[in-house]
Each structure stands twice: as structure tokens, then as C-alpha cells.
Amino acid sequence: MPEIPVSSLDPRLQKQLENAQVALQRGNFDYVIDVTSQVLKTAPGCLPVRRLQRVAQLRHASSKNKLFSKAFGSVTQAGFLFGGGKKDPAKTLENAEKLLAADPTSVPALKLLAEAAQGLDLPDTVTFAWEAIHEQNPTDREALLTLAEAYLTAKRPKEALRTADTLLKLSPQDGDALAVMRKAAIAQTTEKGNWEDKGSFRDKLRDEAQSISLEQASKVVTSDEMTQRLIGEALERLKAQPENLNHYRSVVEGYRKLNNFEEALNYVRQARKLPSGAADTSLEKQDNDLQNAILDKKLKTLESRLAVTPDDAALKAEFAKAKADFAAFEIAQAKAYVERYPNDYEARFTLANFHFAAGDYQNAIANYQQAQKNPKVRIAAITGMGKALKARKMFDLAVAQFQIAKAEIPAMDDLKKDVIYQLAECYESMGKTEEAINEYKIIYSDDIGFRDVADKINAYYSSR
């Protein structure tokens, strides 16, 4: 399946994409996603369209309540992640697109997209997927290595060299990164040799210029300049009608598109001071979301800096404080929501996870207990409660939870293996070696390579 530029699409589709670009600037994300989805059904190899769709999905997702995406994250994706595969790349692509429509930041979904693109022989789409994964985890070594290899497959040695250089900055003695750098350097040299050997200089220069022109014509890009202009127009309208909440919303949306969350928050709070904005729940939600985005952005920036200079004590302290601030804000936000909607058990599951991550196991247990009332998160909540009880060394109570979860998970998947492993660890902590070994044996008989189960079984029989 070839990768194609926008210019090769049917003129009617090209017109729809032009309208989609305008819609993107005006914040009509649903329209953009709908148009690009239709185009990609007929032309899955048109990468510029996929890029446009991703921008719309990310901006759409950032405008939603993050509370729900965190509550559903690990639960909603599981059904897709183990289907399709290399045998049917078209089906895998369909599954990946469904997952990304639900959560464009999902790394497993992006990996699925890369796998599908590889099966369909779309090397640039493979690099697109791994670039997106790298954006989610800037210091992930495996993601960087895979991205570099994908660049080489796509015959983009310059990008491969740059990626390898990033890896070596993180770990100067990384042998795999050095190997990729050597391969990229050889590929780049070969590429230059082809330039020198084939045809006249003038022909090559003309072909290069034409290539650049075609590439620019095929790219569907968003314009920060256009967004700035729309913000300026909204500010002028706001000056003329300072009580109009819609003008505030336009300004806020513009700044969000530019990732200027601080300025967006400034105008949200100005709007909330107006009589008409004081009781507006959508503005309250935007206030919370923007605070979340600011803290998250700061945390990721510090994390990236710390990866480069891991021994910087001052930076470590700043990162630890930012992490604590972010955790405290998430808990406060989730707690306020649950207090307002006490019967939203999915939200209680999210709050329980936040408490657990913060080491507040007592409050985690209380909310996991309530979350079990919702079938969608029941098993995850039972498992979470078991882990929280285990962390508090209430092993007998934890055993009861893990036994329930073990009985309710039908397939011997990684989740069930984890539950059985946790159960066995509780038995070990209680001094019940035989019970623990019996649980480890269940995992051993299905997956000898799961964690250190083989070592535990071998040690047990060696000691007899």
C-alpha cells in the first residue's frame, strides 16, 4: 500500500480537507475528526491527513474532563490490544484508530498503529506513530531506539542520526545507540553518493526543489499565526463587549491551542468574576483542566531536564515538589468531583488510584470499596483494594480480595497472573509457604517466564 500526498486525492476530498483546516482553527474538532476519518478509510496511506486528525484529536481530548480518561484508561483498552496483530494489518489499523479516537495519548494504541503501518508497508506512518510515542515519553530508551530504526527503514538517515544523538546524551555508553548512529552515518553517506553520481547537478537541483515543493504542497499543517490572529479578533470583540462570555471562550480556546495554558487560565478567571460567569460550570471545569495542564507541563519539563542532568540536587528537589503538587491537585480535583457526585463510582475508582499513588492507603481502600459497585471497574477496584490492604500489611484481608478477583477473571491473562502473584506474596508474608507455592505453581504451569516465578519454584524444590 503506497503512502500518498494530499495532492493525489480526489479534488472533492481536497476541498473537504481545506474546510477541515479552517474548522480546526475555529475549534470545530468533531468536524475535523469526521472528515479525516472518512478520507483515511479510502486513503489510509495519506499521512498528512493522519497528522491533521491527530492534532484535532489531541485538542479535542484536552478540552474533555481528564477525570474520565484516567478512570477508564487501563480498562477500556484491554479488549483491543490483544487482537489483530501482524496476520491482519488492516484490522489492526482499524483497532488502533478506534483506540486513538477514544484516547489519542494512548501509547499501546500508537504502538498498534505502528504495527499496522509496518504490515501495510507504510514506513513514514510507522515513524509518525513512534514520534507520537516519543512525545508521550521523551526519555524512553526503547521508544527512541525503535524510532531511530524506523527512520532508517523510511530512508531518513538525518532524523535517525538526530535520534541516536538524543539517546547518547541520555546514556553516552549505549551500545545500541552507537550501532544505530553508525548505520545512519553509512546511510547518509550512501545518500550523498547517489546525489553525486546520478545526473547533472542542475537536474538534481531542479528535482530537489520540485521534491520540496511537492512535500510542502502535501502537508496539512496548522498555523500558529492564524490562531494568533483569531485571538486578536476575539480580544477586539471582548473590548467592545466586556460582559460577553463567548468572547472570553474564544480567547481561552486560542491560547489553549498555542499551549499557553497560563494566559488561557487568566482569561477563564476573568470570565468567572463576571455575574454571568460565576455560576457557569463549564468555566469551573476549564479552570480545573488548565491548572492540571500547567502542572503537568511543568512536571514533564522538569523530568526531561532531570534526564539530562540526573545528579542535579536542586533540580531533583524541584521535580519532587512539582510531583507532589501535581498529585495533591489531582486528589483535590477528584475529591471535589466525588463529593458533588457521590454515586459516580468510576470517579471514585480514579480517586482511589490517586490516593494509592500518594501512599494514602486508608482513603484508597474506602474508595476502591465503593468503586466495586460499578461493573466496568469492579475487578480493577477489587485488585486495587487488595494491593492497598497488602501495603498496610493487612494480609488476611488482602487475601480475601485477591481470591475474589482471581475467581472473577475468566482468562489466564497478565491481569489474572498479577492477582495470583499478589495473592502468593500475601501468603508468603503470612508464613504460609505451601499456600504461596500452590499459587506460584498456577502461574508457572501457564507462563514460566512471568516475573521471578521460576526462581521461586526452583528455590522451593531445592530446599526440600
Protein backbone atom coordinates (compact mmCIF):
# COMPACT_ATOMS: atom_id res chain seq x y z
CA MET A 1 0.00 0.00 0.00
CA PRO A 2 1.63 3.30 -1.07
CA GLU A 3 1.90 6.44 1.03
CA ILE A 4 0.36 9.30 -0.91
CA PRO A 5 0.31 13.12 -0.72
CA VAL A 6 -2.88 15.16 -0.37
CA SER A 7 -2.43 16.44 -3.91
CA SER A 8 -3.16 12.94 -5.28
CA LEU A 9 -6.57 12.72 -3.60
CA ASP A 10 -9.86 13.36 -5.34
CA PRO A 11 -10.37 17.17 -5.66
CA ARG A 12 -13.59 16.91 -3.63
CA LEU A 13 -11.70 15.32 -0.76
CA GLN A 14 -9.02 18.00 -1.02
CA LYS A 15 -11.74 20.65 -0.69
CA GLN A 16 -13.14 18.91 2.39
CA LEU A 17 -9.66 18.89 3.93
CA GLU A 18 -9.29 22.62 3.28
CA ASN A 19 -12.58 23.16 5.10
CA ALA A 20 -11.32 20.89 7.90
CA GLN A 21 -8.22 23.07 8.35
CA VAL A 22 -10.44 26.13 8.77
CA ALA A 23 -12.67 24.19 11.17
CA LEU A 24 -9.61 23.22 13.21
CA GLN A 25 -8.66 26.87 13.68
CA ARG A 26 -12.20 27.63 14.84
CA GLY A 27 -12.25 24.77 17.31
CA ASN A 28 -14.74 22.53 15.49
CA PHE A 29 -12.78 19.38 16.28
CA ASP A 30 -15.65 16.94 15.70
CA TYR A 31 -15.93 18.09 12.08
CA VAL A 32 -12.18 17.71 11.50
CA ILE A 33 -12.12 14.23 13.02
CA ASP A 34 -15.15 13.15 10.98
CA VAL A 35 -13.71 14.41 7.67
CA THR A 36 -10.25 12.95 8.22
CA SER A 37 -11.72 9.60 9.33
CA GLN A 38 -13.69 9.36 6.10
CA VAL A 39 -10.65 10.24 3.98
CA LEU A 40 -8.43 7.73 5.80
CA LYS A 41 -10.92 4.94 5.10
CA THR A 42 -10.22 5.33 1.38
CA ALA A 43 -6.60 6.50 1.67
CA PRO A 44 -5.03 5.12 4.89
CA GLY A 45 -1.58 5.92 3.48
CA CYS A 46 -2.20 9.67 3.32
CA LEU A 47 -0.03 10.70 6.24
CA PRO A 48 -0.76 14.46 6.14
CA VAL A 49 -4.43 13.67 6.76
CA ARG A 50 -3.49 11.45 9.70
CA ARG A 51 -1.39 14.30 11.09
CA LEU A 52 -4.32 16.69 10.82
CA GLN A 53 -6.59 14.16 12.53
CA ARG A 54 -4.14 13.72 15.41
CA VAL A 55 -3.94 17.48 16.03
CA ALA A 56 -7.75 17.62 16.21
CA GLN A 57 -7.94 14.56 18.48
CA LEU A 58 -5.35 15.92 20.90
CA ARG A 59 -7.03 19.31 21.13
CA HIS A 60 -10.43 17.70 21.48
CA ALA A 61 -9.11 15.44 24.25
CA SER A 62 -7.56 18.36 26.11
CA SER A 63 -10.97 20.04 26.23
CA LYS A 64 -12.58 16.98 27.85
CA ASN A 65 -12.72 16.11 31.51
CA LYS A 66 -9.43 14.26 32.17
CA LEU A 67 -11.01 12.61 35.19
CA PHE A 68 -12.88 10.15 32.99
CA SER A 69 -10.00 9.25 30.70
CA LYS A 70 -7.88 8.34 33.74
CA ALA A 71 -10.70 6.28 35.21
CA PHE A 72 -11.20 4.26 32.02
CA GLY A 73 -7.59 4.11 30.75
CA SER A 74 -6.48 0.61 31.62
CA VAL A 75 -9.97 -0.87 31.49
CA THR A 76 -11.28 0.25 28.09
CA GLN A 77 -8.20 -0.53 26.06
CA ALA A 78 -7.68 -4.16 27.01
CA GLY A 79 -10.22 -5.52 24.53
CA PHE A 80 -8.38 -4.17 21.53
CA LEU A 81 -4.75 -4.62 22.48
CA PHE A 82 -4.56 -8.36 22.08
CA GLY A 83 -6.49 -8.66 18.81
CA GLY A 84 -5.49 -8.26 15.18
CA GLY A 85 -1.73 -8.43 15.06
CA LYS A 86 0.55 -8.95 12.10
CA LYS A 87 -1.74 -11.50 10.45
CA ASP A 88 -4.31 -8.84 9.58
CA PRO A 89 -2.70 -5.36 9.47
CA ALA A 90 -5.87 -3.76 8.06
CA LYS A 91 -7.87 -4.98 11.07
CA THR A 92 -5.05 -3.92 13.38
CA LEU A 93 -5.14 -0.44 11.84
CA GLU A 94 -8.89 -0.28 12.41
CA ASN A 95 -8.45 -1.26 16.08
CA ALA A 96 -5.65 1.28 16.53
CA GLU A 97 -7.80 4.05 15.06
CA LYS A 98 -10.67 3.15 17.41
CA LEU A 99 -8.36 3.32 20.42
CA LEU A 100 -6.82 6.61 19.33
CA ALA A 101 -10.27 8.10 18.77
CA ALA A 102 -11.01 7.32 22.43
CA ASP A 103 -7.59 8.38 23.74
CA PRO A 104 -5.02 9.91 21.34
CA THR A 105 -2.35 9.83 24.07
CA SER A 106 -2.54 6.03 24.44
CA VAL A 107 0.93 4.56 23.92
CA PRO A 108 -0.40 1.00 23.39
CA ALA A 109 -2.74 2.33 20.67
CA LEU A 110 0.12 4.19 18.99
CA LYS A 111 2.23 1.01 19.05
CA LEU A 112 -0.69 -0.80 17.45
CA LEU A 113 -0.78 1.89 14.75
CA ALA A 114 2.95 1.43 14.13
CA GLU A 115 2.49 -2.35 13.88
CA ALA A 116 -0.37 -1.97 11.39
CA ALA A 117 1.55 0.57 9.30
CA GLN A 118 4.53 -1.76 9.16
CA GLY A 119 2.32 -4.60 7.95
CA LEU A 120 0.81 -2.33 5.28
CA ASP A 121 4.28 -1.13 4.16
CA LEU A 122 3.75 2.49 5.25
CA PRO A 123 7.21 3.39 6.67
CA ASP A 124 6.50 7.11 7.14
CA THR A 125 3.33 6.29 9.07
CA VAL A 126 5.41 3.96 11.26
CA THR A 127 7.76 6.88 12.08
CA PHE A 128 4.74 9.13 12.70
CA ALA A 129 3.42 6.66 15.30
CA TRP A 130 6.78 6.32 17.06
CA GLU A 131 7.30 10.10 17.01
CA ALA A 132 3.98 10.40 18.85
CA ILE A 133 5.09 7.75 21.35
CA HIS A 134 8.35 9.63 21.89
CA GLU A 135 6.35 12.81 22.59
CA GLN A 136 4.49 10.97 25.35
CA ASN A 137 7.71 9.54 26.86
CA PRO A 138 10.65 11.77 25.82
CA THR A 139 13.27 9.76 27.74
CA ASP A 140 12.04 6.23 26.98
CA ARG A 141 15.08 4.39 25.62
CA GLU A 142 13.20 1.64 23.77
CA ALA A 143 10.92 4.16 22.07
CA LEU A 144 13.90 6.23 20.93
CA LEU A 145 15.73 3.16 19.60
CA THR A 146 12.68 1.96 17.70
CA LEU A 147 12.10 5.47 16.32
CA ALA A 148 15.69 5.64 15.08
CA GLU A 149 15.34 2.25 13.35
CA ALA A 150 12.04 3.37 11.83
CA TYR A 151 13.75 6.46 10.40
CA LEU A 152 16.37 4.22 8.81
CA THR A 153 13.69 1.98 7.28
CA ALA A 154 11.96 5.10 5.92
CA LYS A 155 15.32 6.21 4.40
CA ARG A 156 15.57 9.25 6.67
CA PRO A 157 19.13 8.94 8.00
CA LYS A 158 19.36 12.55 9.20
CA GLU A 159 16.47 12.04 11.60
CA ALA A 160 17.95 8.69 12.66
CA LEU A 161 21.25 10.40 13.48
CA ARG A 162 19.48 13.08 15.49
CA THR A 163 17.52 10.45 17.44
CA ALA A 164 20.66 8.41 18.13
CA ASP A 165 22.33 11.59 19.37
CA THR A 166 19.45 12.12 21.80
CA LEU A 167 19.94 8.57 23.08
CA LEU A 168 23.66 9.11 23.59
CA LYS A 169 23.00 12.29 25.57
CA LEU A 170 20.90 10.22 27.94
CA SER A 171 23.44 7.38 28.07
CA PRO A 172 26.83 8.09 26.42
CA GLN A 173 27.89 4.40 26.50
CA ASP A 174 24.71 2.98 24.97
CA GLY A 175 25.96 0.33 22.53
CA ASP A 176 22.64 0.08 20.64
CA ALA A 177 22.56 3.84 20.13
CA LEU A 178 26.14 3.78 18.82
CA ALA A 179 25.22 0.99 16.41
CA VAL A 180 22.23 2.96 15.10
CA MET A 181 24.41 6.03 14.72
CA ARG A 182 26.92 4.06 12.62
CA LYS A 183 24.17 2.66 10.37
CA ALA A 184 22.64 6.12 9.96
CA ALA A 185 26.02 7.66 9.10
CA ILE A 186 26.60 4.97 6.44
CA ALA A 187 23.10 5.51 5.02
CA GLN A 188 23.63 9.26 4.88
CA THR A 189 26.98 8.81 3.10
CA THR A 190 25.35 6.48 0.57
CA GLU A 191 22.60 9.01 0.03
CA LYS A 192 25.16 11.74 -0.69
CA GLY A 193 26.99 9.40 -3.07
CA ASN A 194 23.82 8.87 -5.07
CA TRP A 195 23.46 12.65 -5.34
CA GLU A 196 26.93 12.99 -6.76
CA ASP A 197 26.81 10.03 -9.15
CA LYS A 198 23.47 10.33 -10.90
CA GLY A 199 22.62 13.00 -13.48
CA SER A 200 23.72 16.60 -13.80
CA PHE A 201 23.95 18.99 -10.91
CA ARG A 202 21.35 21.26 -12.48
CA ASP A 203 18.88 18.38 -12.94
CA LYS A 204 19.35 17.28 -9.36
CA LEU A 205 18.87 20.79 -8.06
CA ARG A 206 15.66 21.11 -10.07
CA ASP A 207 14.43 17.70 -8.83
CA GLU A 208 15.28 18.63 -5.22
CA ALA A 209 13.36 21.89 -5.48
CA GLN A 210 10.41 20.10 -7.03
CA SER A 211 10.52 17.47 -4.29
CA ILE A 212 10.45 20.14 -1.57
CA SER A 213 7.61 21.94 -3.33
CA LEU A 214 5.54 18.74 -3.59
CA GLU A 215 6.22 17.88 0.05
CA GLN A 216 5.12 21.32 1.19
CA ALA A 217 2.02 21.12 -1.00
CA SER A 218 1.08 17.75 0.51
CA LYS A 219 1.44 18.74 4.15
CA VAL A 220 -1.66 19.68 6.09
CA VAL A 221 -0.41 21.95 8.83
CA THR A 222 -1.93 24.18 11.44
CA SER A 223 -0.92 27.82 11.63
CA ASP A 224 0.04 29.47 14.90
CA GLU A 225 -0.16 32.76 13.04
CA MET A 226 -3.80 32.07 12.18
CA THR A 227 -4.52 31.24 15.82
CA GLN A 228 -2.85 34.46 16.97
CA ARG A 229 -4.98 36.39 14.50
CA LEU A 230 -8.17 34.73 15.78
CA ILE A 231 -7.15 35.57 19.36
CA GLY A 232 -6.58 39.19 18.33
CA GLU A 233 -10.03 39.36 16.73
CA ALA A 234 -11.62 37.86 19.85
CA LEU A 235 -9.81 40.35 22.09
CA GLU A 236 -11.14 43.23 19.96
CA ARG A 237 -14.68 41.87 20.32
CA LEU A 238 -14.11 41.45 24.05
CA LYS A 239 -13.01 45.07 24.34
CA ALA A 240 -16.25 46.17 22.68
CA GLN A 241 -18.44 43.75 24.71
CA PRO A 242 -16.63 43.05 28.01
CA GLU A 243 -19.60 41.16 29.51
CA ASN A 244 -19.89 38.62 26.68
CA LEU A 245 -18.71 35.19 27.87
CA ASN A 246 -18.46 33.84 24.31
CA HIS A 247 -15.61 36.27 23.57
CA TYR A 248 -13.76 35.06 26.65
CA ARG A 249 -14.24 31.48 25.47
CA SER A 250 -12.79 32.29 22.05
CA VAL A 251 -9.71 33.87 23.65
CA VAL A 252 -9.26 30.94 26.02
CA GLU A 253 -9.58 28.38 23.21
CA GLY A 254 -6.99 30.27 21.16
CA TYR A 255 -4.44 30.29 23.95
CA ARG A 256 -5.08 26.60 24.64
CA LYS A 257 -4.29 25.81 21.01
CA LEU A 258 -0.96 27.58 21.44
CA ASN A 259 -0.33 25.61 24.67
CA ASN A 260 -0.23 28.92 26.53
CA PHE A 261 -2.20 27.49 29.45
CA GLU A 262 -1.25 30.29 31.85
CA GLU A 263 -2.80 33.00 29.67
CA ALA A 264 -5.84 30.82 28.99
CA LEU A 265 -6.34 30.38 32.74
CA ASN A 266 -6.00 34.13 33.23
CA TYR A 267 -8.97 34.79 30.90
CA VAL A 268 -11.05 31.94 32.37
CA ARG A 269 -10.70 33.51 35.80
CA GLN A 270 -11.56 36.95 34.47
CA ALA A 271 -14.73 35.41 32.99
CA ARG A 272 -15.62 33.71 36.28
CA LYS A 273 -15.57 37.09 38.04
CA LEU A 274 -18.48 38.29 35.88
CA PRO A 275 -22.01 37.79 37.26
CA SER A 276 -22.87 35.57 34.27
CA GLY A 277 -19.69 33.52 34.69
CA ALA A 278 -19.78 32.95 38.45
CA ALA A 279 -22.22 30.04 38.21
CA ASP A 280 -21.02 28.70 34.84
CA THR A 281 -19.92 25.09 35.48
CA SER A 282 -18.11 24.84 32.13
CA LEU A 283 -15.80 27.69 33.19
CA GLU A 284 -15.18 25.94 36.52
CA LYS A 285 -14.22 22.78 34.62
CA GLN A 286 -11.90 24.76 32.33
CA ASP A 287 -10.25 26.34 35.37
CA ASN A 288 -9.51 22.87 36.79
CA ASP A 289 -8.35 21.46 33.45
CA LEU A 290 -5.98 24.36 32.84
CA GLN A 291 -4.47 24.12 36.31
CA ASN A 292 -3.95 20.43 35.60
CA ALA A 293 -2.33 21.19 32.23
CA ILE A 294 0.03 23.78 33.76
CA LEU A 295 1.20 21.41 36.48
CA ASP A 296 1.55 18.53 34.03
CA LYS A 297 3.56 20.66 31.60
CA LYS A 298 5.88 21.81 34.38
CA LEU A 299 6.37 18.24 35.59
CA LYS A 300 7.25 16.94 32.11
CA THR A 301 9.68 19.81 31.53
CA LEU A 302 11.47 19.11 34.80
CA GLU A 303 11.51 15.39 34.08
CA SER A 304 13.18 16.00 30.71
CA ARG A 305 15.77 18.28 32.28
CA LEU A 306 16.44 15.76 35.05
CA ALA A 307 17.03 13.03 32.49
CA VAL A 308 19.87 15.10 31.05
CA THR A 309 21.37 16.09 34.44
CA PRO A 310 20.27 13.34 36.88
CA ASP A 311 22.73 14.40 39.60
CA ASP A 312 21.45 17.97 39.95
CA ALA A 313 20.26 18.07 43.57
CA ALA A 314 18.36 21.36 43.22
CA LEU A 315 16.57 20.06 40.13
CA LYS A 316 15.70 16.82 41.93
CA ALA A 317 14.13 18.79 44.78
CA GLU A 318 12.19 20.99 42.34
CA PHE A 319 10.95 17.90 40.48
CA ALA A 320 9.88 16.20 43.73
CA LYS A 321 7.92 19.30 44.79
CA ALA A 322 6.27 19.61 41.37
CA LYS A 323 5.31 15.95 41.50
CA ALA A 324 3.84 16.36 44.99
CA ASP A 325 1.93 19.49 43.93
CA PHE A 326 0.52 17.70 40.90
CA ALA A 327 -0.56 14.70 42.98
CA ALA A 328 -2.20 16.94 45.58
CA PHE A 329 -4.07 18.86 42.90
CA GLU A 330 -5.31 15.67 41.22
CA ILE A 331 -6.57 14.35 44.55
CA ALA A 332 -8.30 17.62 45.42
CA GLN A 333 -9.90 17.80 41.97
CA ALA A 334 -11.11 14.19 42.06
CA LYS A 335 -12.31 14.52 45.66
CA ALA A 336 -14.34 17.63 44.88
CA TYR A 337 -15.99 15.83 41.96
CA VAL A 338 -16.84 12.77 44.08
CA GLU A 339 -18.29 14.96 46.84
CA ARG A 340 -20.54 16.55 44.24
CA TYR A 341 -21.48 13.25 42.59
CA PRO A 342 -21.13 10.58 45.33
CA ASN A 343 -22.74 7.83 43.22
CA ASP A 344 -20.28 8.15 40.34
CA TYR A 345 -18.33 5.01 41.18
CA GLU A 346 -15.99 5.28 38.20
CA ALA A 347 -14.87 8.65 39.56
CA ARG A 348 -14.36 7.03 42.96
CA PHE A 349 -12.09 4.48 41.27
CA THR A 350 -9.99 7.34 39.89
CA LEU A 351 -9.83 8.99 43.31
CA ALA A 352 -8.79 5.67 44.88
CA ASN A 353 -5.95 5.35 42.35
CA PHE A 354 -4.73 8.85 43.19
CA HIS A 355 -4.80 8.09 46.93
CA PHE A 356 -2.95 4.82 46.34
CA ALA A 357 -0.24 6.54 44.27
CA ALA A 358 0.19 9.08 47.08
CA GLY A 359 0.57 6.32 49.69
CA ASP A 360 -2.73 7.17 51.39
CA TYR A 361 -3.92 3.56 51.54
CA GLN A 362 -6.74 4.11 54.04
CA ASN A 363 -8.60 6.52 51.74
CA ALA A 364 -7.70 4.36 48.74
CA ILE A 365 -9.37 1.35 50.39
CA ALA A 366 -12.53 3.31 51.19
CA ASN A 367 -12.94 4.47 47.59
CA TYR A 368 -11.97 1.13 45.99
CA GLN A 369 -14.67 -0.44 48.16
CA GLN A 370 -17.30 1.95 46.78
CA ALA A 371 -16.00 1.66 43.19
CA GLN A 372 -16.71 -2.09 43.19
CA LYS A 373 -20.38 -1.24 42.73
CA ASN A 374 -19.70 -0.35 39.09
CA PRO A 375 -19.30 -3.43 36.84
CA LYS A 376 -16.89 -1.64 34.46
CA VAL A 377 -14.22 -1.12 37.10
CA ARG A 378 -15.22 -3.82 39.60
CA ILE A 379 -12.31 -6.21 39.09
CA ALA A 380 -9.76 -3.39 38.90
CA ALA A 381 -11.21 -1.92 42.11
CA ILE A 382 -11.09 -5.29 43.92
CA THR A 383 -7.46 -5.73 42.86
CA GLY A 384 -6.62 -2.17 43.90
CA MET A 385 -8.22 -2.71 47.28
CA GLY A 386 -6.21 -5.91 47.72
CA LYS A 387 -2.96 -4.08 46.93
CA ALA A 388 -3.83 -1.25 49.34
CA LEU A 389 -4.58 -3.75 52.14
CA LYS A 390 -1.34 -5.57 51.33
CA ALA A 391 0.58 -2.27 51.55
CA ARG A 392 -0.92 -1.79 55.03
CA LYS A 393 0.22 -5.34 55.92
CA MET A 394 -3.38 -6.47 56.42
CA PHE A 395 -2.52 -9.66 54.60
CA ASP A 396 -5.53 -11.77 55.59
CA LEU A 397 -7.92 -9.08 54.32
CA ALA A 398 -5.85 -8.64 51.15
CA VAL A 399 -6.01 -12.40 50.52
CA ALA A 400 -9.82 -12.25 50.55
CA GLN A 401 -9.83 -9.52 47.87
CA PHE A 402 -7.31 -11.29 45.64
CA GLN A 403 -9.26 -14.55 45.89
CA ILE A 404 -12.41 -12.77 44.72
CA ALA A 405 -10.55 -11.16 41.80
CA LYS A 406 -8.90 -14.49 40.90
CA ALA A 407 -12.31 -16.20 40.74
CA GLU A 408 -13.91 -13.44 38.65
CA ILE A 409 -11.21 -13.10 35.96
CA PRO A 410 -12.02 -15.84 33.43
CA ALA A 411 -8.85 -15.94 31.29
CA MET A 412 -5.28 -16.52 32.43
CA ASP A 413 -4.07 -13.16 31.16
CA ASP A 414 -1.47 -10.82 32.65
CA LEU A 415 -4.06 -9.27 34.98
CA LYS A 416 -5.01 -12.65 36.47
CA LYS A 417 -1.33 -13.64 36.77
CA ASP A 418 -0.67 -10.40 38.66
CA VAL A 419 -3.60 -11.09 41.02
CA ILE A 420 -2.36 -14.64 41.71
CA TYR A 421 1.20 -13.36 42.24
CA GLN A 422 -0.04 -10.75 44.73
CA LEU A 423 -2.06 -13.45 46.49
CA ALA A 424 1.01 -15.68 46.74
CA GLU A 425 3.11 -12.82 48.15
CA CYS A 426 0.48 -12.29 50.86
CA TYR A 427 0.67 -15.97 51.80
CA GLU A 428 4.46 -15.69 51.95
CA SER A 429 4.21 -12.67 54.25
CA MET A 430 1.87 -14.67 56.49
CA GLY A 431 4.37 -17.55 56.66
CA LYS A 432 2.10 -19.85 54.63
CA THR A 433 4.74 -21.22 52.28
CA GLU A 434 2.73 -24.15 50.91
CA GLU A 435 -0.25 -21.94 50.02
CA ALA A 436 2.09 -19.45 48.36
CA ILE A 437 3.84 -22.14 46.30
CA ASN A 438 0.50 -23.56 45.17
CA GLU A 439 -0.40 -20.13 43.76
CA TYR A 440 3.01 -19.68 42.11
CA LYS A 441 2.57 -23.12 40.53
CA ILE A 442 -0.61 -21.96 38.80
CA ILE A 443 1.36 -19.18 37.09
CA TYR A 444 4.37 -21.45 36.46
CA SER A 445 2.24 -24.01 34.62
CA ASP A 446 0.95 -21.31 32.26
CA ASP A 447 3.88 -18.87 31.94
CA ILE A 448 7.28 -19.94 33.25
CA GLY A 449 8.75 -16.55 32.35
CA PHE A 450 6.36 -14.45 34.43
CA ARG A 451 8.42 -12.27 36.79
CA ASP A 452 10.53 -14.43 39.14
CA VAL A 453 8.06 -17.31 39.45
CA ALA A 454 10.55 -19.85 38.03
CA ASP A 455 13.17 -18.81 40.61
CA LYS A 456 10.66 -19.19 43.44
CA ILE A 457 9.58 -22.65 42.30
CA ASN A 458 13.17 -23.81 41.78
CA ALA A 459 14.22 -22.48 45.19
CA TYR A 460 11.31 -24.27 46.85
CA TYR A 461 12.17 -27.67 45.38
CA SER A 462 15.91 -27.17 46.02
CA SER A 463 15.23 -26.59 49.69
CA ARG A 464 13.23 -29.81 50.15
